[in-house]
C-alpha cells in the first residue's frame, strides 16, 4: 500500500509539476503577450502622440497662415475701401462740377437767347423804320413822277385821267 501510495503521490507530484510547468509556460506566454501588448501599446501611444503633435503643429501653422491671410485681406480691404471712398468723393465732386458747368452754360444760353432776341428785334425795328422812311421817299418820288408825267401829258394835250 505504501508503494501504491508512493506511486499515487509520485503520479500526483508529476501531474502537479506538469500542471505547474504548463501554468508557468502559460504565464510566460501571457507575460510575453502582455509585454508585446505593452510594447504595441507604447508604440501605438507614441505614434498617436507623434501624429497628434504633428497635427497640432500643422494646425498651428495653418492657423498662423490663415491669421496672416486675414491680416493681409483686412489690410487690402481697408485700402480698397479707402480707394472706393476717394473714388466716390471724386465722382461726386466731378458730377457737382459738371452740374455747375451745365447750369452756367444754360444761363449763358438763356442770356445769349435773350441778347439774340433783343438784337433781332432791334434790327427788325430799324428795318421797319428804314422801310417806312423809304416808303415815304418812294411815295414822294412816285408823286413827283406822276406830277411830271401829268404835266407832260397835259403839254401834249392829253387828259391824264383817260389813262
Foldseek 3Di string as FASTA:
>chain_A
DVVVVVVVVVVVVVVVVVVVVVVVVVVVVVVVVVVVVVVVVVVVVVVVVVVVVVVVVVVVVVVVVVVVVVVVVVVVVVVVVVVVVVVVVVVVVVVVVVVVVVVVVVVVVVVVVVVVVVVVVVVVVVVVVVVVVVVVVVVVVVVVVVVVVCVVCVVVPHHPVVD
